[in-house]
C-alpha cells in the first residue's frame, strides 16, 4: 500500500543535470545496430520471455556483463558488470560513472515507430524501496510519449529524469523514427537525492530508503555468522506482494554460509543469492536494496527478517542454529 506522503509525490522529477545531445547521438552511431536485441524480461519463475513489440535493447551493464541479456536483472549469485559495449560508448559511460549512486544495470532501449509497449509496473522500483530508475533521452519525436500514473511525459533529449516506475506505465511511439533512451537502475544514495528538485525532496520527508554502504567481514566474522533456519517462501521473492510477509506460508530450509569469500543464502541446499553485509550482522541481497534484509543475532540463535518501505519497517524473528 502506498504511504500518504508517497501518494502526493509527482510520478517523475527532472534531475539537476543536462547532457550534450550531439555526443549522445555520436555514441549511438558508433555502436553496431545489428547487435541490438529484442527486449526480454524474467518472470517470477525465472523464465526469460522476449517482448512481442519492436522494443530493442543494447545492454551496457547487466548481470555478469552477459551481452545476451536485455533484462534489468534480479537478486542472485552474480553481480552486475559492464558489457563490451560500455567502453565503446565513451560519453554514455562518462555519464554513468558520474552518477553519485551505486549502479545496477544500464541499458539502451529503442522503441520502434508505430509501437506501443505493454502497460505494466516494475515492483518496488521507487525511492521508498531504495531503488531508482533513471532516464537520459537520446532521440525522441513528438509522437513519443510515456504514460506514467495517468500523466503524459515527453522528455527532451539530453535531459535527466527519475520516474516512479512502481506505478502503472506504458510507452508509445506513433512516429516513424526510433525513440532511444539510456535507462539505468541505481541504489538510492544521499548524493543521488541531492540531484532532485528541492520541492520534491521536501515532499519525500522520511519516505525514502538511503542504502547503507557494504561493510567488509573478516574470515573469522564470516565463520561466526554461518546459520541454518526455516525461511518463508515469500521472502526471497522481491516481486511478491508486500502483504505476504507476515502471512502464514510454506517454508524452505535455508542457510547463510561462507563460500570462502562472501556469504551466500542457500535454499534447500542450493546456493541462491549472494549477500552483502551492511553492518551489525545484517545483510541485503546482492543486486537489491536495503528494502529486504536478514540480520543474524550475535549468538546465532535467531535471524531477523526485515522489509522496509520508506520509514515503515516490518520484521519477523526466525529461530536459527549455528552451522
Protein backbone atom coordinates (compact mmCIF):
# COMPACT_ATOMS: atom_id res chain seq x y z
CA UNK A 1 0.00 0.00 0.00
CA UNK A 2 1.34 3.44 -0.89
CA UNK A 3 2.05 5.64 2.10
CA UNK A 4 0.27 9.00 2.41
CA UNK A 5 3.42 11.02 1.75
CA UNK A 6 4.35 8.89 -1.25
CA UNK A 7 0.86 9.34 -2.74
CA UNK A 8 1.39 13.11 -3.06
CA UNK A 9 4.69 12.76 -4.89
CA UNK A 10 4.69 13.55 -8.61
CA UNK A 11 5.38 10.36 -10.59
CA UNK A 12 8.52 11.87 -12.17
CA UNK A 13 11.14 14.51 -11.45
CA UNK A 14 13.71 16.18 -13.70
CA UNK A 15 17.16 15.91 -12.11
CA UNK A 16 19.81 18.61 -11.92
CA UNK A 17 21.97 17.68 -14.91
CA UNK A 18 21.83 18.02 -18.68
CA UNK A 19 23.92 16.28 -21.32
CA UNK A 20 25.37 17.02 -24.77
CA UNK A 21 22.88 15.68 -27.33
CA UNK A 22 25.41 15.59 -30.17
CA UNK A 23 27.76 13.43 -28.09
CA UNK A 24 24.89 11.16 -27.03
CA UNK A 25 23.93 10.57 -30.66
CA UNK A 26 27.57 10.07 -31.69
CA UNK A 27 27.85 7.24 -29.18
CA UNK A 28 24.69 5.61 -30.54
CA UNK A 29 26.01 5.82 -34.09
CA UNK A 30 29.29 4.24 -33.00
CA UNK A 31 27.50 1.08 -31.84
CA UNK A 32 26.70 -1.65 -34.38
CA UNK A 33 22.91 -1.61 -34.99
CA UNK A 34 22.95 -5.37 -35.66
CA UNK A 35 23.91 -6.02 -32.02
CA UNK A 36 20.62 -4.64 -30.64
CA UNK A 37 18.32 -7.44 -29.44
CA UNK A 38 14.61 -7.65 -28.73
CA UNK A 39 13.92 -6.70 -25.12
CA UNK A 40 13.28 -9.60 -22.77
CA UNK A 41 12.25 -9.95 -19.17
CA UNK A 42 12.39 -12.60 -16.44
CA UNK A 43 9.15 -13.71 -14.79
CA UNK A 44 8.61 -14.82 -11.20
CA UNK A 45 9.63 -18.38 -12.14
CA UNK A 46 12.97 -17.10 -13.54
CA UNK A 47 11.83 -17.88 -17.10
CA UNK A 48 13.08 -15.46 -19.77
CA UNK A 49 10.48 -14.11 -22.21
CA UNK A 50 11.01 -11.95 -25.30
CA UNK A 51 8.70 -8.98 -25.68
CA UNK A 52 6.44 -9.09 -28.74
CA UNK A 53 6.68 -5.46 -29.92
CA UNK A 54 9.64 -3.75 -31.65
CA UNK A 55 11.37 -2.72 -28.46
CA UNK A 56 15.11 -3.32 -28.72
CA UNK A 57 17.95 -3.18 -26.25
CA UNK A 58 21.71 -2.85 -26.21
CA UNK A 59 22.93 -3.72 -22.70
CA UNK A 60 25.82 -1.64 -21.38
CA UNK A 61 25.77 -3.15 -17.89
CA UNK A 62 23.81 -6.26 -16.87
CA UNK A 63 24.11 -9.34 -14.66
CA UNK A 64 27.54 -10.86 -15.28
CA UNK A 65 28.19 -8.46 -18.19
CA UNK A 66 26.40 -11.00 -20.41
CA UNK A 67 25.73 -9.30 -23.80
CA UNK A 68 22.83 -11.68 -24.46
CA UNK A 69 20.83 -10.34 -21.51
CA UNK A 70 18.48 -7.43 -22.00
CA UNK A 71 16.52 -7.73 -18.73
CA UNK A 72 17.11 -5.50 -15.71
CA UNK A 73 18.18 -8.44 -13.56
CA UNK A 74 17.26 -9.51 -10.04
CA UNK A 75 19.00 -10.72 -6.86
CA UNK A 76 21.21 -13.75 -7.36
CA UNK A 77 24.74 -15.10 -7.14
CA UNK A 78 26.24 -12.99 -9.95
CA UNK A 79 26.81 -9.24 -9.69
CA UNK A 80 26.26 -6.61 -12.38
CA UNK A 81 29.18 -5.92 -14.74
CA UNK A 82 29.87 -3.82 -17.82
CA UNK A 83 29.42 -5.40 -21.25
CA UNK A 84 31.85 -4.97 -24.13
CA UNK A 85 29.80 -2.02 -25.39
CA UNK A 86 30.21 0.07 -22.23
CA UNK A 87 33.72 1.23 -23.15
CA UNK A 88 32.71 1.82 -26.77
CA UNK A 89 30.03 4.31 -25.69
CA UNK A 90 32.55 6.64 -24.07
CA UNK A 91 30.25 9.58 -23.35
CA UNK A 92 27.46 7.37 -22.03
CA UNK A 93 29.99 5.61 -19.79
CA UNK A 94 31.20 9.00 -18.56
CA UNK A 95 27.63 9.93 -17.62
CA UNK A 96 27.01 6.67 -15.79
CA UNK A 97 30.22 6.82 -13.77
CA UNK A 98 29.47 10.41 -12.75
CA UNK A 99 26.20 9.50 -11.02
CA UNK A 100 26.69 9.58 -7.21
CA UNK A 101 24.97 6.26 -6.52
CA UNK A 102 25.80 2.54 -6.82
CA UNK A 103 24.87 1.48 -10.37
CA UNK A 104 22.99 -1.74 -11.10
CA UNK A 105 22.00 -2.18 -14.78
CA UNK A 106 22.45 0.23 -17.71
CA UNK A 107 20.60 -0.36 -20.98
CA UNK A 108 19.93 1.46 -24.23
CA UNK A 109 16.26 0.96 -25.11
CA UNK A 110 14.91 1.72 -28.59
CA UNK A 111 11.16 1.73 -29.28
CA UNK A 112 10.32 1.37 -32.97
CA UNK A 113 7.98 3.63 -34.92
CA UNK A 114 4.29 2.83 -34.60
CA UNK A 115 4.94 0.74 -31.49
CA UNK A 116 3.31 0.69 -28.08
CA UNK A 117 4.76 -1.09 -25.06
CA UNK A 118 2.53 -3.08 -22.71
CA UNK A 119 1.06 -1.37 -19.66
CA UNK A 120 2.75 -2.65 -16.51
CA UNK A 121 4.55 -1.68 -13.33
CA UNK A 122 8.00 -2.64 -12.01
CA UNK A 123 7.59 -3.86 -8.45
CA UNK A 124 9.33 -1.78 -5.77
CA UNK A 125 11.23 0.32 -8.29
CA UNK A 126 10.90 3.62 -6.44
CA UNK A 127 12.56 5.68 -3.75
CA UNK A 128 10.52 4.22 -0.87
CA UNK A 129 12.28 0.92 -1.53
CA UNK A 130 15.78 2.35 -2.04
CA UNK A 131 15.76 1.87 -5.82
CA UNK A 132 15.56 4.38 -8.65
CA UNK A 133 15.19 4.08 -12.41
CA UNK A 134 16.81 6.97 -14.28
CA UNK A 135 16.37 8.02 -17.93
CA UNK A 136 18.55 10.02 -20.30
CA UNK A 137 16.54 10.58 -23.52
CA UNK A 138 18.77 10.48 -26.61
CA UNK A 139 16.42 10.60 -29.59
CA UNK A 140 12.72 11.35 -29.44
CA UNK A 141 9.87 12.80 -31.52
CA UNK A 142 6.51 14.49 -30.84
CA UNK A 143 4.87 11.07 -31.13
CA UNK A 144 6.97 9.54 -28.35
CA UNK A 145 5.11 9.51 -25.06
CA UNK A 146 5.45 7.99 -21.62
CA UNK A 147 2.21 7.43 -19.73
CA UNK A 148 3.11 7.24 -16.05
CA UNK A 149 0.42 7.08 -13.38
CA UNK A 150 -2.12 8.80 -15.71
CA UNK A 151 0.26 11.61 -16.61
CA UNK A 152 1.83 12.07 -20.05
CA UNK A 153 5.52 12.91 -20.42
CA UNK A 154 7.63 13.82 -23.47
CA UNK A 155 11.16 14.12 -22.17
CA UNK A 156 13.59 16.10 -24.31
CA UNK A 157 16.97 14.68 -25.46
CA UNK A 158 19.84 15.48 -23.11
CA UNK A 159 17.67 15.89 -20.02
CA UNK A 160 17.88 13.66 -16.94
CA UNK A 161 14.84 12.11 -15.28
CA UNK A 162 13.69 9.94 -12.40
CA UNK A 163 10.39 8.08 -12.78
CA UNK A 164 8.48 6.12 -10.16
CA UNK A 165 8.04 3.01 -12.31
CA UNK A 166 6.48 1.13 -9.42
CA UNK A 167 3.35 2.90 -10.71
CA UNK A 168 1.43 1.76 -13.79
CA UNK A 169 3.05 2.98 -17.01
CA UNK A 170 3.49 2.36 -20.72
CA UNK A 171 5.37 3.94 -23.65
CA UNK A 172 4.31 4.59 -27.24
CA UNK A 173 5.95 5.90 -30.39
CA UNK A 174 3.48 6.96 -33.08
CA UNK A 175 6.20 8.40 -35.34
CA UNK A 176 8.47 6.57 -37.79
CA UNK A 177 11.81 7.16 -36.07
CA UNK A 178 13.28 5.26 -33.14
CA UNK A 179 12.83 6.60 -29.65
CA UNK A 180 16.09 5.83 -27.78
CA UNK A 181 16.71 6.31 -24.08
CA UNK A 182 19.56 5.27 -21.82
CA UNK A 183 17.85 3.66 -18.84
CA UNK A 184 19.63 2.65 -15.67
CA UNK A 185 18.76 1.44 -12.20
CA UNK A 186 20.64 2.56 -9.11
CA UNK A 187 20.62 2.16 -5.35
CA UNK A 188 19.39 5.37 -3.74
CA UNK A 189 22.13 7.39 -2.02
CA UNK A 190 22.36 10.81 -0.37
CA UNK A 191 24.29 12.06 -3.40
CA UNK A 192 21.53 10.98 -5.77
CA UNK A 193 18.85 12.71 -3.70
CA UNK A 194 20.78 15.97 -3.97
CA UNK A 195 20.08 15.91 -7.74
CA UNK A 196 16.33 16.06 -7.12
CA UNK A 197 14.46 19.39 -7.03
CA UNK A 198 14.27 20.76 -3.50
CA UNK A 199 10.47 20.76 -3.59
CA UNK A 200 10.44 17.04 -4.45
CA UNK A 201 12.84 16.26 -1.60
CA UNK A 202 10.60 18.23 0.77
CA UNK A 203 7.61 16.08 -0.20
CA UNK A 204 9.64 12.91 0.37
CA UNK A 205 10.08 13.52 4.06
CA UNK A 206 11.30 10.26 5.56
CA UNK A 207 9.64 8.11 2.88
CA UNK A 208 12.85 7.04 1.20
CA UNK A 209 15.45 4.35 1.87
CA UNK A 210 19.03 5.57 1.66
CA UNK A 211 21.10 2.42 1.25
CA UNK A 212 23.98 1.68 3.57
CA UNK A 213 27.43 1.00 2.08
CA UNK A 214 28.87 -2.53 2.20
CA UNK A 215 30.88 -3.38 5.32
CA UNK A 216 33.63 -5.99 4.80
CA UNK A 217 33.74 -9.09 7.00
CA UNK A 218 36.87 -10.92 8.07
CA UNK A 219 37.06 -14.73 7.62
CA UNK A 220 36.52 -15.14 11.37
CA UNK A 221 33.42 -12.93 11.27
CA UNK A 222 32.01 -14.84 8.31
CA UNK A 223 32.54 -18.13 10.16
CA UNK A 224 30.63 -16.78 13.17
CA UNK A 225 27.60 -15.87 11.04
CA UNK A 226 27.02 -19.31 9.49
CA UNK A 227 23.48 -20.38 10.46
CA UNK A 228 20.57 -22.55 9.34
CA UNK A 229 16.86 -21.72 9.69
CA UNK A 230 13.43 -22.08 8.06
CA UNK A 231 12.72 -19.22 5.63
CA UNK A 232 9.18 -18.26 4.48
CA UNK A 233 8.94 -18.90 0.71
CA UNK A 234 7.84 -15.32 0.06
CA UNK A 235 10.93 -13.62 1.45
CA UNK A 236 13.48 -14.27 -1.36
CA UNK A 237 10.90 -13.21 -3.98
CA UNK A 238 11.42 -9.45 -4.23
CA UNK A 239 8.42 -9.02 -6.56
CA UNK A 240 5.88 -10.73 -4.30
CA UNK A 241 3.01 -8.79 -2.67
CA UNK A 242 4.11 -6.96 0.49
CA UNK A 243 1.14 -8.28 2.46
CA UNK A 244 2.51 -11.83 2.14
CA UNK A 245 5.34 -11.03 4.55
CA UNK A 246 3.57 -11.81 7.81
CA UNK A 247 1.00 -14.26 6.42
CA UNK A 248 1.19 -17.99 7.22
CA UNK A 249 3.05 -19.70 4.38
CA UNK A 250 5.25 -22.60 3.41
CA UNK A 251 8.88 -22.54 4.48
CA UNK A 252 12.14 -23.72 2.94
CA UNK A 253 15.30 -24.93 4.58
CA UNK A 254 17.78 -22.05 4.41
CA UNK A 255 21.37 -21.46 5.35
CA UNK A 256 23.63 -18.42 5.49
CA UNK A 257 27.08 -19.81 4.79
CA UNK A 258 30.58 -18.73 3.81
CA UNK A 259 31.79 -19.74 0.32
CA UNK A 260 35.35 -18.64 1.10
CA UNK A 261 34.98 -15.01 0.06
CA UNK A 262 31.40 -13.95 0.75
CA UNK A 263 28.19 -15.01 2.46
CA UNK A 264 25.60 -16.97 0.49
CA UNK A 265 21.92 -17.68 1.11
CA UNK A 266 21.13 -21.27 0.09
CA UNK A 267 17.60 -22.64 -0.21
CA UNK A 268 17.02 -26.39 0.17
CA UNK A 269 20.75 -26.93 -0.24
CA UNK A 270 21.07 -24.85 -3.41
CA UNK A 271 23.17 -21.62 -3.39
CA UNK A 272 20.65 -18.97 -4.43
CA UNK A 273 21.57 -15.37 -3.52
CA UNK A 274 24.86 -13.74 -2.56
CA UNK A 275 24.62 -11.47 0.47
CA UNK A 276 26.07 -8.00 1.07
CA UNK A 277 26.96 -7.17 4.66
CA UNK A 278 25.78 -3.67 5.63
CA UNK A 279 26.86 -3.70 9.29
CA UNK A 280 25.78 -5.24 12.60
CA UNK A 281 25.48 -8.77 11.13
CA UNK A 282 22.79 -7.54 8.71
CA UNK A 283 22.73 -8.47 5.02
CA UNK A 284 20.87 -7.34 1.92
CA UNK A 285 20.62 -9.34 -1.29
CA UNK A 286 23.25 -8.83 -3.99
CA UNK A 287 21.64 -6.69 -6.71
CA UNK A 288 18.97 -5.33 -4.38
CA UNK A 289 18.47 -2.56 -1.85
CA UNK A 290 18.07 -2.31 1.93
CA UNK A 291 14.36 -2.90 1.30
CA UNK A 292 14.90 -6.53 2.34
CA UNK A 293 17.48 -7.68 4.87
CA UNK A 294 18.39 -10.56 7.18
CA UNK A 295 20.19 -9.94 10.48
CA UNK A 296 21.88 -12.76 12.41
CA UNK A 297 21.83 -12.41 16.19
CA UNK A 298 25.22 -12.25 17.99
CA UNK A 299 24.89 -15.81 19.30
CA UNK A 300 23.40 -17.17 16.07
CA UNK A 301 20.14 -18.39 17.60
CA UNK A 302 17.81 -16.15 15.55
CA UNK A 303 17.62 -14.42 12.18
CA UNK A 304 15.59 -11.21 11.95
CA UNK A 305 13.86 -10.76 8.60
CA UNK A 306 13.08 -7.14 7.69
CA UNK A 307 11.13 -5.42 4.93
CA UNK A 308 11.22 -1.64 4.60
CA UNK A 309 9.08 0.85 2.73
CA UNK A 310 10.19 4.39 3.44
CA UNK A 311 10.05 4.88 7.21
CA UNK A 312 7.96 1.73 7.73
CA UNK A 313 9.82 -1.37 8.94
CA UNK A 314 8.19 -4.78 9.28
CA UNK A 315 10.14 -7.60 10.83
CA UNK A 316 9.86 -11.25 11.76
CA UNK A 317 12.22 -13.18 14.03
CA UNK A 318 13.07 -16.73 12.96
CA UNK A 319 14.71 -19.36 15.15
CA UNK A 320 18.16 -20.39 13.88
CA UNK A 321 21.09 -22.62 14.75
CA UNK A 322 24.79 -22.25 14.07
CA UNK A 323 26.26 -24.44 11.34
